Each structure stands twice: as structure tokens, then as C-alpha cells.
C-alpha atoms as a PDB file:
ATOM      1  CA  MET A   1      39.358 117.185 105.265  1.00  0.00           C
ATOM      2  CA  ILE A   2      37.156 117.050 108.357  1.00  0.00           C
ATOM      3  CA  SER A   3      37.636 115.220 111.655  1.00  0.00           C
ATOM      4  CA  VAL A   4      34.960 112.810 112.886  1.00  0.00           C
ATOM      5  CA  GLN A   5      34.785 109.979 115.396  1.00  0.00           C
ATOM      6  CA  VAL A   6      33.572 106.423 114.854  1.00  0.00           C
ATOM      7  CA  CYS A   7      32.164 104.806 117.989  1.00  0.00           C
ATOM      8  CA  TYR A   8      31.092 101.246 118.829  1.00  0.00           C
ATOM      9  CA  SER A   9      30.334  99.557 122.138  1.00  0.00           C
ATOM     10  CA  ASP A  10      30.930  95.814 122.112  1.00  0.00           C
ATOM     11  CA  GLY A  11      29.579  95.205 125.609  1.00  0.00           C
ATOM     12  CA  ALA A  12      33.055  94.965 127.117  1.00  0.00           C
ATOM     13  CA  GLY A  13      33.905  98.585 126.430  1.00  0.00           C
ATOM     14  CA  VAL A  14      33.702 101.458 124.005  1.00  0.00           C
ATOM     15  CA  ILE A  15      35.851 101.783 120.912  1.00  0.00           C
ATOM     16  CA  LEU A  16      36.292 105.390 119.801  1.00  0.00           C
ATOM     17  CA  LEU A  17      38.355 106.092 116.697  1.00  0.00           C
ATOM     18  CA  GLU A  18      39.328 109.513 115.332  1.00  0.00           C
ATOM     19  CA  VAL A  19      39.184 109.717 111.545  1.00  0.00           C
ATOM     20  CA  ARG A  20      39.866 112.421 108.962  1.00  0.00           C
ATOM     21  CA  VAL A  21      37.683 112.172 105.874  1.00  0.00           C
ATOM     22  CA  PRO A  22      37.220 114.380 102.815  1.00  0.00           C
ATOM     23  CA  LEU A  23      34.560 117.081 103.004  1.00  0.00           C
ATOM     24  CA  GLY A  24      31.294 115.648 101.651  1.00  0.00           C
ATOM     25  CA  SER A  25      31.958 112.142 102.993  1.00  0.00           C
ATOM     26  CA  THR A  26      29.149 109.915 104.245  1.00  0.00           C
ATOM     27  CA  LEU A  27      28.774 107.837 107.392  1.00  0.00           C
ATOM     28  CA  LEU A  28      29.770 104.781 105.362  1.00  0.00           C
ATOM     29  CA  HIS A  29      33.012 106.482 104.277  1.00  0.00           C
ATOM     30  CA  ALA A  30      33.928 107.271 107.893  1.00  0.00           C
ATOM     31  CA  VAL A  31      33.254 103.691 109.013  1.00  0.00           C
ATOM     32  CA  GLU A  32      35.369 102.331 106.147  1.00  0.00           C
ATOM     33  CA  TYR A  33      38.223 104.835 106.700  1.00  0.00           C
ATOM     34  CA  SER A  34      38.300 104.020 110.436  1.00  0.00           C
ATOM     35  CA  GLY A  35      39.197 100.359 109.851  1.00  0.00           C
ATOM     36  CA  ILE A  36      36.719  99.247 112.524  1.00  0.00           C
ATOM     37  CA  LEU A  37      35.176  96.664 110.179  1.00  0.00           C
ATOM     38  CA  LYS A  38      38.552  94.887 109.995  1.00  0.00           C
ATOM     39  CA  GLN A  39      39.058  95.159 113.773  1.00  0.00           C
ATOM     40  CA  LEU A  40      35.580  93.840 114.567  1.00  0.00           C
ATOM     41  CA  PRO A  41      34.322  91.557 111.792  1.00  0.00           C
ATOM     42  CA  GLU A  42      31.124  90.877 113.779  1.00  0.00           C
ATOM     43  CA  ILE A  43      29.867  94.344 112.781  1.00  0.00           C
ATOM     44  CA  ASN A  44      27.376  93.930 109.943  1.00  0.00           C
ATOM     45  CA  LEU A  45      26.280  97.245 108.456  1.00  0.00           C
ATOM     46  CA  ALA A  46      23.556  95.471 106.477  1.00  0.00           C
ATOM     47  CA  THR A  47      21.712  94.639 109.704  1.00  0.00           C
ATOM     48  CA  GLN A  48      23.026  97.103 112.297  1.00  0.00           C
ATOM     49  CA  LYS A  49      21.830 100.683 112.501  1.00  0.00           C
ATOM     50  CA  VAL A  50      24.031 103.768 112.568  1.00  0.00           C
ATOM     51  CA  GLY A  51      23.556 107.297 113.785  1.00  0.00           C
ATOM     52  CA  VAL A  52      25.184 110.573 114.715  1.00  0.00           C
ATOM     53  CA  PHE A  53      25.034 111.736 118.330  1.00  0.00           C
ATOM     54  CA  GLY A  54      22.177 109.344 119.176  1.00  0.00           C
ATOM     55  CA  LYS A  55      20.001 110.126 116.152  1.00  0.00           C
ATOM     56  CA  LEU A  56      19.450 107.389 113.574  1.00  0.00           C
ATOM     57  CA  LYS A  57      20.870 108.184 110.141  1.00  0.00           C
ATOM     58  CA  SER A  58      21.389 106.309 106.901  1.00  0.00           C
ATOM     59  CA  LEU A  59      24.843 105.233 105.767  1.00  0.00           C
ATOM     60  CA  GLU A  60      24.488 107.740 102.910  1.00  0.00           C
ATOM     61  CA  SER A  61      24.009 110.728 105.258  1.00  0.00           C
ATOM     62  CA  GLN A  62      26.626 113.427 104.829  1.00  0.00           C
ATOM     63  CA  LEU A  63      29.044 114.104 107.679  1.00  0.00           C
ATOM     64  CA  HIS A  64      29.789 117.425 109.335  1.00  0.00           C
ATOM     65  CA  PRO A  65      32.971 118.406 111.187  1.00  0.00           C
ATOM     66  CA  ASN A  66      33.298 116.785 114.634  1.00  0.00           C
ATOM     67  CA  ASP A  67      30.371 114.365 114.123  1.00  0.00           C
ATOM     68  CA  ARG A  68      30.408 111.143 116.135  1.00  0.00           C
ATOM     69  CA  VAL A  69      29.304 108.200 113.998  1.00  0.00           C
ATOM     70  CA  GLU A  70      27.759 105.530 116.224  1.00  0.00           C
ATOM     71  CA  ILE A  71      27.276 101.906 115.199  1.00  0.00           C
ATOM     72  CA  TYR A  72      24.455 100.380 117.228  1.00  0.00           C
ATOM     73  CA  ARG A  73      24.357  96.764 118.384  1.00  0.00           C
ATOM     74  CA  PRO A  74      21.164  94.782 117.856  1.00  0.00           C
ATOM     75  CA  LEU A  75      18.821  94.617 120.844  1.00  0.00           C
ATOM     76  CA  LEU A  76      19.128  91.439 122.894  1.00  0.00           C
ATOM     77  CA  ALA A  77      15.484  91.564 123.976  1.00  0.00           C
ATOM     78  CA  ASP A  78      12.333  93.308 122.818  1.00  0.00           C
ATOM     79  CA  PRO A  79      11.953  96.335 125.156  1.00  0.00           C
ATOM     80  CA  MET A  80       8.160  95.951 125.423  1.00  0.00           C
ATOM     81  CA  GLU A  81       8.417  92.261 126.281  1.00  0.00           C
ATOM     82  CA  ALA A  82      11.113  92.946 128.882  1.00  0.00           C
ATOM     83  CA  ARG A  83       8.900  95.613 130.455  1.00  0.00           C
ATOM     84  CA  ARG A  84       5.943  93.198 130.569  1.00  0.00           C
ATOM     85  CA  ARG A  85       8.077  90.544 132.290  1.00  0.00           C
ATOM     86  CA  ARG A  86       9.281  93.051 134.897  1.00  0.00           C
ATOM     87  CA  ALA A  87       5.687  94.174 135.561  1.00  0.00           C
ATOM     88  CA  VAL A  88       4.534  90.565 136.043  1.00  0.00           C
ATOM     89  CA  LYS A  89       7.507  89.840 138.302  1.00  0.00           C
ATOM     90  CA  ASN A  90       6.766  92.918 140.430  1.00  0.00           C
ATOM     91  CA  GLY A  91       3.058  92.073 140.658  1.00  0.00           C
ATOM     92  CA  ARG A  92       1.744  94.985 138.603  1.00  0.00           C
END
């Protein structure tokens, strides 16, 4: 068994769950073992991306001891469009 963390920020705060999973487990296994999908049914792994320590990974990626699995929320705005709007607003 290895220890990993499952992390999700819902905008109001950060949820960080410690989980022990069998050696050779994937990111999907850790998310399922954590129970976060039952706690937060708005999480949709079919559309949301996941990663480990800020690097995008697939749900099938193998975990290592002490990894932090992060579930990313969808972007609310296109970053390029938001930057353009700020530039126009600031007269650039």
C-alpha cells in the first residue's frame, strides 16, 4: 500500500483527502478510493482534467508514494480572451 493525496478546489476552499491505495494503482483508483466523487457529485472525470503536482496526467497514469492527485475545475473564461479584454480596458 502507498499513501497519496486527492485534492480539489471548489472555489470556496480546498479539499485534501489522504488515501492508501495498492502499489500499482492509477489516478482513477485514488479518486475512487477517496470517496470525493460521492462528496462532490459535480465532479465529472469525463470532462475535467487531472494531474499530479501541477502536471497534467491521464486517469490511467500510475501513482507513486506521496503523490498529490489534483482534479482541475474547468476554466470560467478563455485566458487569451480575458487578456485581450484587460488590454483594451487599460488602453493598450
